[in-house]
Amino acid sequence: LLNAGVATGCGVGEDFDLARYRRAMGANLDGVVFGTHAVLPALR
């Protein structure tokens, strides 16, 4: 269950924050991609 996630905390306008953006993408998307990549050999 690839469930880890965080809120974004910023938008794409004047409130854009690169660190928060990368943190959110890292947990919410990369966490699923990296988790899938890591677990696939074990499932196979």
PDB file of all heavy atoms in Angstrom:
ATOM      1  N   LEU A   1       0.877  -1.172   0.000  1.00  0.00           N
ATOM      2  CA  LEU A   1       0.000   0.000   0.000  1.00  0.00           C
ATOM      3  C   LEU A   1       0.911   1.217   0.000  1.00  0.00           C
ATOM      4  O   LEU A   1       1.569   1.520   0.999  1.00  0.00           O
ATOM      5  CB  LEU A   1      -0.918   0.023   1.223  1.00  0.00           C
ATOM      6  CG  LEU A   1      -1.737   1.311   1.381  1.00  0.00           C
ATOM      7  CD1 LEU A   1      -2.687   1.520   0.206  1.00  0.00           C
ATOM      8  CD2 LEU A   1      -2.497   1.333   2.704  1.00  0.00           C
ATOM      9  N   LEU A   2       0.969   1.905  -1.135  1.00  0.00           N
ATOM     10  CA  LEU A   2       1.815   3.086  -1.288  1.00  0.00           C
ATOM     11  C   LEU A   2       0.965   4.309  -0.958  1.00  0.00           C
ATOM     12  O   LEU A   2       0.328   4.914  -1.808  1.00  0.00           O
ATOM     13  CB  LEU A   2       2.379   3.140  -2.706  1.00  0.00           C
ATOM     14  CG  LEU A   2       3.123   1.859  -3.128  1.00  0.00           C
ATOM     15  CD1 LEU A   2       3.627   1.971  -4.553  1.00  0.00           C
ATOM     16  CD2 LEU A   2       4.271   1.543  -2.163  1.00  0.00           C
ATOM     17  N   ASN A   3       0.975   4.639   0.311  1.00  0.00           N
ATOM     18  CA  ASN A   3      -0.011   5.558   0.873  1.00  0.00           C
ATOM     19  C   ASN A   3       0.571   6.873   1.355  1.00  0.00           C
ATOM     20  O   ASN A   3      -0.162   7.850   1.519  1.00  0.00           O
ATOM     21  CB  ASN A   3      -0.709   4.844   2.041  1.00  0.00           C
ATOM     22  CG  ASN A   3      -1.485   5.779   2.926  1.00  0.00           C
ATOM     23  OD1 ASN A   3      -2.574   6.230   2.586  1.00  0.00           O
ATOM     24  ND2 ASN A   3      -0.922   6.093   4.102  1.00  0.00           N
ATOM     25  N   ALA A   4       1.869   6.953   1.590  1.00  0.00           N
ATOM     26  CA  ALA A   4       2.460   8.156   2.173  1.00  0.00           C
ATOM     27  C   ALA A   4       2.140   9.381   1.325  1.00  0.00           C
ATOM     28  O   ALA A   4       2.213   9.342   0.094  1.00  0.00           O
ATOM     29  CB  ALA A   4       3.971   7.989   2.298  1.00  0.00           C
ATOM     30  N   GLY A   5       1.774  10.472   1.980  1.00  0.00           N
ATOM     31  CA  GLY A   5       1.442  11.687   1.244  1.00  0.00           C
ATOM     32  C   GLY A   5       1.421  12.899   2.157  1.00  0.00           C
ATOM     33  O   GLY A   5       1.301  12.772   3.378  1.00  0.00           O
ATOM     34  N   VAL A   6       1.533  14.064   1.535  1.00  0.00           N
ATOM     35  CA  VAL A   6       1.528  15.327   2.282  1.00  0.00           C
ATOM     36  C   VAL A   6       0.703  16.354   1.529  1.00  0.00           C
ATOM     37  O   VAL A   6       0.439  16.217   0.333  1.00  0.00           O
ATOM     38  CB  VAL A   6       2.956  15.883   2.481  1.00  0.00           C
ATOM     39  CG1 VAL A   6       3.806  14.931   3.304  1.00  0.00           C
ATOM     40  CG2 VAL A   6       3.622  16.163   1.137  1.00  0.00           C
ATOM     41  N   ALA A   7       0.292  17.396   2.235  1.00  0.00           N
ATOM     42  CA  ALA A   7      -0.377  18.521   1.593  1.00  0.00           C
ATOM     43  C   ALA A   7       0.659  19.366   0.853  1.00  0.00           C
ATOM     44  O   ALA A   7       1.852  19.337   1.169  1.00  0.00           O
ATOM     45  CB  ALA A   7      -1.096  19.365   2.635  1.00  0.00           C
ATOM     46  N   THR A   8       0.204  20.125  -0.130  1.00  0.00           N
ATOM     47  CA  THR A   8       1.131  20.898  -0.940  1.00  0.00           C
ATOM     48  C   THR A   8       1.620  22.140  -0.198  1.00  0.00           C
ATOM     49  O   THR A   8       2.816  22.368  -0.050  1.00  0.00           O
ATOM     50  CB  THR A   8       0.467  21.323  -2.266  1.00  0.00           C
ATOM     51  OG1 THR A   8      -0.057  20.169  -2.906  1.00  0.00           O
ATOM     52  CG2 THR A   8       1.471  21.999  -3.166  1.00  0.00           C
ATOM     53  N   GLY A   9       0.709  22.989   0.236  1.00  0.00           N
ATOM     54  CA  GLY A   9       1.101  24.178   0.980  1.00  0.00           C
ATOM     55  C   GLY A   9       1.475  25.369   0.137  1.00  0.00           C
ATOM     56  O   GLY A   9       1.936  26.387   0.660  1.00  0.00           O
ATOM     57  N   CYS A  10       1.299  25.272  -1.190  1.00  0.00           N
ATOM     58  CA  CYS A  10       1.575  26.425  -2.039  1.00  0.00           C
ATOM     59  C   CYS A  10       0.866  26.252  -3.370  1.00  0.00           C
ATOM     60  O   CYS A  10       0.405  25.161  -3.705  1.00  0.00           O
ATOM     61  CB  CYS A  10       3.084  26.617  -2.264  1.00  0.00           C
ATOM     62  SG  CYS A  10       3.861  25.378  -3.314  1.00  0.00           S
ATOM     63  N   GLY A  11       0.788  27.360  -4.133  1.00  0.00           N
ATOM     64  CA  GLY A  11       0.197  27.310  -5.461  1.00  0.00           C
ATOM     65  C   GLY A  11       1.255  27.566  -6.517  1.00  0.00           C
ATOM     66  O   GLY A  11       2.455  27.401  -6.267  1.00  0.00           O
ATOM     67  N   VAL A  12       0.822  28.030  -7.699  1.00  0.00           N
ATOM     68  CA  VAL A  12       1.773  28.255  -8.793  1.00  0.00           C
ATOM     69  C   VAL A  12       1.989  29.746  -9.063  1.00  0.00           C
ATOM     70  O   VAL A  12       2.713  30.109  -9.990  1.00  0.00           O
ATOM     71  CB  VAL A  12       1.303  27.555 -10.095  1.00  0.00           C
ATOM     72  CG1 VAL A  12       1.234  26.058  -9.897  1.00  0.00           C
ATOM     73  CG2 VAL A  12      -0.051  28.100 -10.540  1.00  0.00           C
ATOM     74  N   GLY A  13       1.367  30.608  -8.265  1.00  0.00           N
ATOM     75  CA  GLY A  13       1.514  32.045  -8.436  1.00  0.00           C
ATOM     76  C   GLY A  13       2.569  32.610  -7.509  1.00  0.00           C
ATOM     77  O   GLY A  13       3.638  32.028  -7.328  1.00  0.00           O
ATOM     78  N   GLU A  14       2.235  33.734  -6.888  1.00  0.00           N
ATOM     79  CA  GLU A  14       3.200  34.396  -6.010  1.00  0.00           C
ATOM     80  C   GLU A  14       3.524  33.570  -4.777  1.00  0.00           C
ATOM     81  O   GLU A  14       4.570  33.769  -4.146  1.00  0.00           O
ATOM     82  CB  GLU A  14       2.654  35.761  -5.591  1.00  0.00           C
ATOM     83  CG  GLU A  14       2.559  36.761  -6.739  1.00  0.00           C
ATOM     84  CD  GLU A  14       2.045  38.111  -6.291  1.00  0.00           C
ATOM     85  OE1 GLU A  14       1.718  38.243  -5.086  1.00  0.00           O
ATOM     86  OE2 GLU A  14       1.959  39.027  -7.124  1.00  0.00           O
ATOM     87  N   ASP A  15       2.629  32.642  -4.424  1.00  0.00           N
ATOM     88  CA  ASP A  15       2.870  31.818  -3.247  1.00  0.00           C
ATOM     89  C   ASP A  15       3.662  30.555  -3.566  1.00  0.00           C
ATOM     90  O   ASP A  15       3.857  29.696  -2.700  1.00  0.00           O
ATOM     91  CB  ASP A  15       1.550  31.440  -2.579  1.00  0.00           C
ATOM     92  CG  ASP A  15       0.653  30.596  -3.476  1.00  0.00           C
ATOM     93  OD1 ASP A  15       0.838  30.649  -4.711  1.00  0.00           O
ATOM     94  OD2 ASP A  15      -0.233  29.894  -2.945  1.00  0.00           O
ATOM     95  N   PHE A  16       4.132  30.418  -4.813  1.00  0.00           N
ATOM     96  CA  PHE A  16       4.882  29.221  -5.184  1.00  0.00           C
ATOM     97  C   PHE A  16       6.142  29.107  -4.343  1.00  0.00           C
ATOM     98  O   PHE A  16       6.881  30.072  -4.143  1.00  0.00           O
ATOM     99  CB  PHE A  16       5.264  29.258  -6.665  1.00  0.00           C
ATOM    100  CG  PHE A  16       6.051  28.048  -7.102  1.00  0.00           C
ATOM    101  CD1 PHE A  16       5.436  26.819  -7.250  1.00  0.00           C
ATOM    102  CD2 PHE A  16       7.417  28.146  -7.351  1.00  0.00           C
ATOM    103  CE1 PHE A  16       6.157  25.704  -7.642  1.00  0.00           C
ATOM    104  CE2 PHE A  16       8.153  27.029  -7.745  1.00  0.00           C
ATOM    105  CZ  PHE A  16       7.521  25.808  -7.893  1.00  0.00           C
ATOM    106  N   ASP A  17       6.369  27.886  -3.836  1.00  0.00           N
ATOM    107  CA  ASP A  17       7.535  27.612  -3.001  1.00  0.00           C
ATOM    108  C   ASP A  17       8.176  26.336  -3.534  1.00  0.00           C
ATOM    109  O   ASP A  17       7.577  25.261  -3.456  1.00  0.00           O
ATOM    110  CB  ASP A  17       7.107  27.444  -1.541  1.00  0.00           C
ATOM    111  CG  ASP A  17       8.269  27.250  -0.591  1.00  0.00           C
ATOM    112  OD1 ASP A  17       9.012  26.265  -0.761  1.00  0.00           O
ATOM    113  OD2 ASP A  17       8.427  28.066   0.331  1.00  0.00           O
ATOM    114  N   LEU A  18       9.366  26.447  -4.067  1.00  0.00           N
ATOM    115  CA  LEU A  18      10.001  25.314  -4.717  1.00  0.00           C
ATOM    116  C   LEU A  18      10.217  24.144  -3.762  1.00  0.00           C
ATOM    117  O   LEU A  18       9.999  22.982  -4.129  1.00  0.00           O
ATOM    118  CB  LEU A  18      11.343  25.736  -5.332  1.00  0.00           C
ATOM    119  CG  LEU A  18      12.108  24.650  -6.104  1.00  0.00           C
ATOM    120  CD1 LEU A  18      11.268  24.106  -7.252  1.00  0.00           C
ATOM    121  CD2 LEU A  18      13.440  25.213  -6.607  1.00  0.00           C
ATOM    122  N   ALA A  19      10.628  24.441  -2.539  1.00  0.00           N
ATOM    123  CA  ALA A  19      10.878  23.365  -1.575  1.00  0.00           C
ATOM    124  C   ALA A  19       9.580  22.616  -1.254  1.00  0.00           C
ATOM    125  O   ALA A  19       9.568  21.380  -1.186  1.00  0.00           O
ATOM    126  CB  ALA A  19      11.499  23.929  -0.301  1.00  0.00           C
ATOM    127  N   ARG A  20       8.486  23.361  -1.057  1.00  0.00           N
ATOM    128  CA  ARG A  20       7.211  22.705  -0.759  1.00  0.00           C
ATOM    129  C   ARG A  20       6.705  21.911  -1.962  1.00  0.00           C
ATOM    130  O   ARG A  20       6.146  20.822  -1.812  1.00  0.00           O
ATOM    131  CB  ARG A  20       6.177  23.747  -0.342  1.00  0.00           C
ATOM    132  CG  ARG A  20       6.466  24.374   1.014  1.00  0.00           C
ATOM    133  CD  ARG A  20       5.327  25.255   1.478  1.00  0.00           C
ATOM    134  NE  ARG A  20       5.586  25.809   2.797  1.00  0.00           N
ATOM    135  CZ  ARG A  20       4.667  26.433   3.529  1.00  0.00           C
ATOM    136  NH1 ARG A  20       3.434  26.585   3.066  1.00  0.00           N
ATOM    137  NH2 ARG A  20       4.976  26.906   4.716  1.00  0.00           N
ATOM    138  N   TYR A  21       6.891  22.483  -3.142  1.00  0.00           N
ATOM    139  CA  TYR A  21       6.488  21.780  -4.366  1.00  0.00           C
ATOM    140  C   TYR A  21       7.218  20.444  -4.486  1.00  0.00           C
ATOM    141  O   TYR A  21       6.603  19.399  -4.735  1.00  0.00           O
ATOM    142  CB  TYR A  21       6.785  22.658  -5.577  1.00  0.00           C
ATOM    143  CG  TYR A  21       6.680  21.957  -6.901  1.00  0.00           C
ATOM    144  CD1 TYR A  21       5.437  21.712  -7.487  1.00  0.00           C
ATOM    145  CD2 TYR A  21       7.827  21.536  -7.579  1.00  0.00           C
ATOM    146  CE1 TYR A  21       5.350  21.054  -8.709  1.00  0.00           C
ATOM    147  CE2 TYR A  21       7.743  20.893  -8.793  1.00  0.00           C
ATOM    148  CZ  TYR A  21       6.502  20.647  -9.359  1.00  0.00           C
ATOM    149  OH  TYR A  21       6.416  20.003 -10.558  1.00  0.00           O
ATOM    150  N   ARG A  22       8.530  20.476  -4.311  1.00  0.00           N
ATOM    151  CA  ARG A  22       9.315  19.249  -4.437  1.00  0.00           C
ATOM    152  C   ARG A  22       8.989  18.252  -3.333  1.00  0.00           C
ATOM    153  O   ARG A  22       8.994  17.031  -3.553  1.00  0.00           O
ATOM    154  CB  ARG A  22      10.806  19.586  -4.453  1.00  0.00           C
ATOM    155  CG  ARG A  22      11.238  20.217  -5.774  1.00  0.00           C
ATOM    156  CD  ARG A  22      12.699  20.559  -5.799  1.00  0.00           C
ATOM    157  NE  ARG A  22      13.125  20.926  -7.156  1.00  0.00           N
ATOM    158  CZ  ARG A  22      14.241  21.576  -7.434  1.00  0.00           C
ATOM    159  NH1 ARG A  22      15.058  21.940  -6.447  1.00  0.00           N
ATOM    160  NH2 ARG A  22      14.550  21.865  -8.688  1.00  0.00           N
ATOM    161  N   ARG A  23       8.696  18.761  -2.139  1.00  0.00           N
ATOM    162  CA  ARG A  23       8.310  17.864  -1.044  1.00  0.00           C
ATOM    163  C   ARG A  23       7.014  17.147  -1.373  1.00  0.00           C
ATOM    164  O   ARG A  23       6.890  15.930  -1.171  1.00  0.00           O
ATOM    165  CB  ARG A  23       8.166  18.661   0.254  1.00  0.00           C
ATOM    166  CG  ARG A  23       7.686  17.840   1.450  1.00  0.00           C
ATOM    167  CD  ARG A  23       7.683  18.685   2.716  1.00  0.00           C
ATOM    168  NE  ARG A  23       7.221  17.936   3.872  1.00  0.00           N
ATOM    169  CZ  ARG A  23       5.960  17.932   4.314  1.00  0.00           C
ATOM    170  NH1 ARG A  23       5.046  18.679   3.679  1.00  0.00           N
ATOM    171  NH2 ARG A  23       5.615  17.230   5.366  1.00  0.00           N
ATOM    172  N   ALA A  24       6.024  17.894  -1.890  1.00  0.00           N
ATOM    173  CA  ALA A  24       4.731  17.290  -2.219  1.00  0.00           C
ATOM    174  C   ALA A  24       4.851  16.307  -3.371  1.00  0.00           C
ATOM    175  O   ALA A  24       4.299  15.198  -3.318  1.00  0.00           O
ATOM    176  CB  ALA A  24       3.720  18.385  -2.557  1.00  0.00           C
ATOM    177  N   MET A  25       5.558  16.680  -4.412  1.00  0.00           N
ATOM    178  CA  MET A  25       5.737  15.764  -5.534  1.00  0.00           C
ATOM    179  C   MET A  25       6.557  14.549  -5.121  1.00  0.00           C
ATOM    180  O   MET A  25       6.303  13.423  -5.563  1.00  0.00           O
ATOM    181  CB  MET A  25       6.402  16.485  -6.706  1.00  0.00           C
ATOM    182  CG  MET A  25       5.516  17.520  -7.371  1.00  0.00           C
ATOM    183  SD  MET A  25       4.044  16.759  -8.115  1.00  0.00           S
ATOM    184  CE  MET A  25       3.233  18.212  -8.792  1.00  0.00           C
ATOM    185  N   GLY A  26       7.539  14.779  -4.247  1.00  0.00           N
ATOM    186  CA  GLY A  26       8.376  13.681  -3.787  1.00  0.00           C
ATOM    187  C   GLY A  26       7.598  12.633  -3.016  1.00  0.00           C
ATOM    188  O   GLY A  26       7.806  11.424  -3.205  1.00  0.00           O
ATOM    189  N   ALA A  27       6.715  13.081  -2.144  1.00  0.00           N
ATOM    190  CA  ALA A  27       5.927  12.128  -1.360  1.00  0.00           C
ATOM    191  C   ALA A  27       4.771  11.550  -2.154  1.00  0.00           C
ATOM    192  O   ALA A  27       4.572  10.328  -2.192  1.00  0.00           O
ATOM    193  CB  ALA A  27       5.403  12.817  -0.098  1.00  0.00           C
ATOM    194  N   ASN A  28       3.998  12.412  -2.816  1.00  0.00           N
ATOM    195  CA  ASN A  28       2.731  11.985  -3.402  1.00  0.00           C
ATOM    196  C   ASN A  28       2.872  11.266  -4.736  1.00  0.00           C
ATOM    197  O   ASN A  28       2.051  10.409  -5.063  1.00  0.00           O
ATOM    198  CB  ASN A  28       1.813  13.191  -3.589  1.00  0.00           C
ATOM    199  CG  ASN A  28       1.483  13.875  -2.280  1.00  0.00           C
ATOM    200  OD1 ASN A  28       1.823  13.379  -1.214  1.00  0.00           O
ATOM    201  ND2 ASN A  28       0.845  15.022  -2.346  1.00  0.00           N
ATOM    202  N   LEU A  29       3.887  11.623  -5.512  1.00  0.00           N
ATOM    203  CA  LEU A  29       4.080  10.979  -6.819  1.00  0.00           C
ATOM    204  C   LEU A  29       5.333  10.117  -6.855  1.00  0.00           C
ATOM    205  O   LEU A  29       5.260   8.923  -7.156  1.00  0.00           O
ATOM    206  CB  LEU A  29       4.129  12.034  -7.925  1.00  0.00           C
ATOM    207  CG  LEU A  29       4.402  11.509  -9.339  1.00  0.00           C
ATOM    208  CD1 LEU A  29       3.391  10.451  -9.737  1.00  0.00           C
ATOM    209  CD2 LEU A  29       4.419  12.658 -10.345  1.00  0.00           C
ATOM    210  N   ASP A  30       6.487  10.712  -6.509  1.00  0.00           N
ATOM    211  CA  ASP A  30       7.711   9.917  -6.522  1.00  0.00           C
ATOM    212  C   ASP A  30       7.607   8.722  -5.582  1.00  0.00           C
ATOM    213  O   ASP A  30       8.124   7.638  -5.877  1.00  0.00           O
ATOM    214  CB  ASP A  30       8.914  10.773  -6.094  1.00  0.00           C
ATOM    215  CG  ASP A  30       9.262  11.849  -7.110  1.00  0.00           C
ATOM    216  OD1 ASP A  30       8.729  11.791  -8.238  1.00  0.00           O
ATOM    217  OD2 ASP A  30      10.054  12.751  -6.768  1.00  0.00           O
ATOM    218  N   GLY A  31       6.935   8.907  -4.448  1.00  0.00           N
ATOM    219  CA  GLY A  31       6.790   7.805  -3.508  1.00  0.00           C
ATOM    220  C   GLY A  31       6.076   6.612  -4.109  1.00  0.00           C
ATOM    221  O   GLY A  31       6.382   5.456  -3.789  1.00  0.00           O
ATOM    222  N   VAL A  32       5.123   6.880  -4.991  1.00  0.00           N
ATOM    223  CA  VAL A  32       4.409   5.788  -5.669  1.00  0.00           C
ATOM    224  C   VAL A  32       5.294   5.169  -6.749  1.00  0.00           C
ATOM    225  O   VAL A  32       5.383   3.939  -6.877  1.00  0.00           O
ATOM    226  CB  VAL A  32       3.086   6.292  -6.270  1.00  0.00           C
ATOM    227  CG1 VAL A  32       2.394   5.192  -7.066  1.00  0.00           C
ATOM    228  CG2 VAL A  32       2.156   6.794  -5.158  1.00  0.00           C
ATOM    229  N   VAL A  33       5.951   6.015  -7.537  1.00  0.00           N
ATOM    230  CA  VAL A  33       6.819   5.516  -8.606  1.00  0.00           C
ATOM    231  C   VAL A  33       7.996   4.730  -8.024  1.00  0.00           C
ATOM    232  O   VAL A  33       8.269   3.588  -8.431  1.00  0.00           O
ATOM    233  CB  VAL A  33       7.330   6.674  -9.476  1.00  0.00           C
ATOM    234  CG1 VAL A  33       8.341   6.184 -10.501  1.00  0.00           C
ATOM    235  CG2 VAL A  33       6.154   7.358 -10.187  1.00  0.00           C
ATOM    236  N   PHE A  34       8.696   5.323  -7.050  1.00  0.00           N
ATOM    237  CA  PHE A  34       9.852   4.654  -6.466  1.00  0.00           C
ATOM    238  C   PHE A  34       9.431   3.398  -5.702  1.00  0.00           C
ATOM    239  O   PHE A  34      10.131   2.379  -5.725  1.00  0.00           O
ATOM    240  CB  PHE A  34      10.611   5.602  -5.526  1.00  0.00           C
ATOM    241  CG  PHE A  34      11.186   6.818  -6.196  1.00  0.00           C
ATOM    242  CD1 PHE A  34      11.502   7.952  -5.448  1.00  0.00           C
ATOM    243  CD2 PHE A  34      11.415   6.848  -7.562  1.00  0.00           C
ATOM    244  CE1 PHE A  34      12.046   9.076  -6.061  1.00  0.00           C
ATOM    245  CE2 PHE A  34      11.947   7.974  -8.186  1.00  0.00           C
ATOM    246  CZ  PHE A  34      12.261   9.094  -7.429  1.00  0.00           C
ATOM    247  N   GLY A  35       8.297   3.483  -5.003  1.00  0.00           N
ATOM    248  CA  GLY A  35       7.819   2.314  -4.270  1.00  0.00           C
ATOM    249  C   GLY A  35       7.467   1.165  -5.197  1.00  0.00           C
ATOM    250  O   GLY A  35       7.779   0.002  -4.922  1.00  0.00           O
ATOM    251  N   THR A  36       6.820   1.489  -6.302  1.00  0.00           N
ATOM    252  CA  THR A  36       6.481   0.458  -7.283  1.00  0.00           C
ATOM    253  C   THR A  36       7.743  -0.157  -7.874  1.00  0.00           C
ATOM    254  O   THR A  36       7.866  -1.389  -7.982  1.00  0.00           O
ATOM    255  CB  THR A  36       5.611   1.061  -8.405  1.00  0.00           C
ATOM    256  OG1 THR A  36       4.403   1.569  -7.837  1.00  0.00           O
ATOM    257  CG2 THR A  36       5.262   0.013  -9.450  1.00  0.00           C
ATOM    258  N   HIS A  37       8.685   0.687  -8.267  1.00  0.00           N
ATOM    259  CA  HIS A  37       9.935   0.194  -8.845  1.00  0.00           C
ATOM    260  C   HIS A  37      10.656  -0.737  -7.869  1.00  0.00           C
ATOM    261  O   HIS A  37      11.196  -1.787  -8.275  1.00  0.00           O
ATOM    262  CB  HIS A  37      10.833   1.383  -9.202  1.00  0.00           C
ATOM    263  CG  HIS A  37      12.197   0.995  -9.669  1.00  0.00           C
ATOM    264  ND1 HIS A  37      12.422   0.386 -10.890  1.00  0.00           N
ATOM    265  CD2 HIS A  37      13.421   1.115  -9.071  1.00  0.00           C
ATOM    266  CE1 HIS A  37      13.718   0.153 -11.038  1.00  0.00           C
ATOM    267  NE2 HIS A  37      14.340   0.584  -9.952  1.00  0.00           N
ATOM    268  N   ALA A  38      10.662  -0.373  -6.594  1.00  0.00           N
ATOM    269  CA  ALA A  38      11.389  -1.164  -5.601  1.00  0.00           C
ATOM    270  C   ALA A  38      10.711  -2.489  -5.302  1.00  0.00           C
ATOM    271  O   ALA A  38      11.384  -3.511  -5.102  1.00  0.00           O
ATOM    272  CB  ALA A  38      11.539  -0.346  -4.311  1.00  0.00           C
ATOM    273  N   VAL A  39       9.382  -2.506  -5.268  1.00  0.00           N
ATOM    274  CA  VAL A  39       8.677  -3.709  -4.821  1.00  0.00           C
ATOM    275  C   VAL A  39       8.402  -4.701  -5.943  1.00  0.00           C
ATOM    276  O   VAL A  39       8.165  -5.882  -5.681  1.00  0.00           O
ATOM    277  CB  VAL A  39       7.364  -3.323  -4.104  1.00  0.00           C
ATOM    278  CG1 VAL A  39       6.240  -3.013  -5.099  1.00  0.00           C
ATOM    279  CG2 VAL A  39       6.924  -4.422  -3.133  1.00  0.00           C
ATOM    280  N   LEU A  40       8.450  -4.264  -7.189  1.00  0.00           N
ATOM    281  CA  LEU A  40       8.109  -5.164  -8.288  1.00  0.00           C
ATOM    282  C   LEU A  40       8.948  -6.449  -8.308  1.00  0.00           C
ATOM    283  O   LEU A  40       8.385  -7.545  -8.475  1.00  0.00           O
ATOM    284  CB  LEU A  40       8.220  -4.436  -9.630  1.00  0.00           C
ATOM    285  CG  LEU A  40       6.963  -3.697 -10.088  1.00  0.00           C
ATOM    286  CD1 LEU A  40       7.241  -2.948 -11.397  1.00  0.00           C
ATOM    287  CD2 LEU A  40       5.788  -4.654 -10.261  1.00  0.00           C
ATOM    288  N   PRO A  41      10.267  -6.380  -8.165  1.00  0.00           N
ATOM    289  CA  PRO A  41      11.029  -7.632  -8.168  1.00  0.00           C
ATOM    290  C   PRO A  41      10.600  -8.593  -7.065  1.00  0.00           C
ATOM    291  O   PRO A  41      10.564  -9.816  -7.267  1.00  0.00           O
ATOM    292  CB  PRO A  41      12.479  -7.169  -7.968  1.00  0.00           C
ATOM    293  CG  PRO A  41      12.497  -5.768  -8.475  1.00  0.00           C
ATOM    294  CD  PRO A  41      11.155  -5.198  -8.104  1.00  0.00           C
ATOM    295  N   ALA A  42      10.267  -8.057  -5.897  1.00  0.00           N
ATOM    296  CA  ALA A  42       9.829  -8.901  -4.788  1.00  0.00           C
ATOM    297  C   ALA A  42       8.484  -9.558  -5.095  1.00  0.00           C
ATOM    298  O   ALA A  42       8.268 -10.733  -4.774  1.00  0.00           O
ATOM    299  CB  ALA A  42       9.737  -8.075  -3.503  1.00  0.00           C
ATOM    300  N   LEU A  43       7.572  -8.815  -5.706  1.00  0.00           N
ATOM    301  CA  LEU A  43       6.271  -9.389  -6.062  1.00  0.00           C
ATOM    302  C   LEU A  43       6.430 -10.445  -7.146  1.00  0.00           C
ATOM    303  O   LEU A  43       5.793 -11.512  -7.093  1.00  0.00           O
ATOM    304  CB  LEU A  43       5.330  -8.281  -6.540  1.00  0.00           C
ATOM    305  CG  LEU A  43       4.963  -7.203  -5.514  1.00  0.00           C
ATOM    306  CD1 LEU A  43       4.031  -6.176  -6.153  1.00  0.00           C
ATOM    307  CD2 LEU A  43       4.317  -7.807  -4.276  1.00  0.00           C
ATOM    308  N   ARG A  44       7.262 -10.163  -8.131  1.00  0.00           N
ATOM    309  CA  ARG A  44       7.493 -11.152  -9.193  1.00  0.00           C
ATOM    310  C   ARG A  44       8.100 -12.432  -8.631  1.00  0.00           C
ATOM    311  O   ARG A  44       7.776 -13.532  -9.077  1.00  0.00           O
ATOM    312  CB  ARG A  44       8.405 -10.551 -10.258  1.00  0.00           C
ATOM    313  CG  ARG A  44       7.724  -9.478 -11.115  1.00  0.00           C
ATOM    314  CD  ARG A  44       8.721  -8.784 -12.013  1.00  0.00           C
ATOM    315  NE  ARG A  44       8.085  -7.831 -12.917  1.00  0.00           N
ATOM    316  CZ  ARG A  44       8.606  -6.661 -13.271  1.00  0.00           C
ATOM    317  NH1 ARG A  44       9.802  -6.307 -12.786  1.00  0.00           N
ATOM    318  NH2 ARG A  44       7.968  -5.861 -14.106  1.00  0.00           N
TER     319      ARG A  44
END
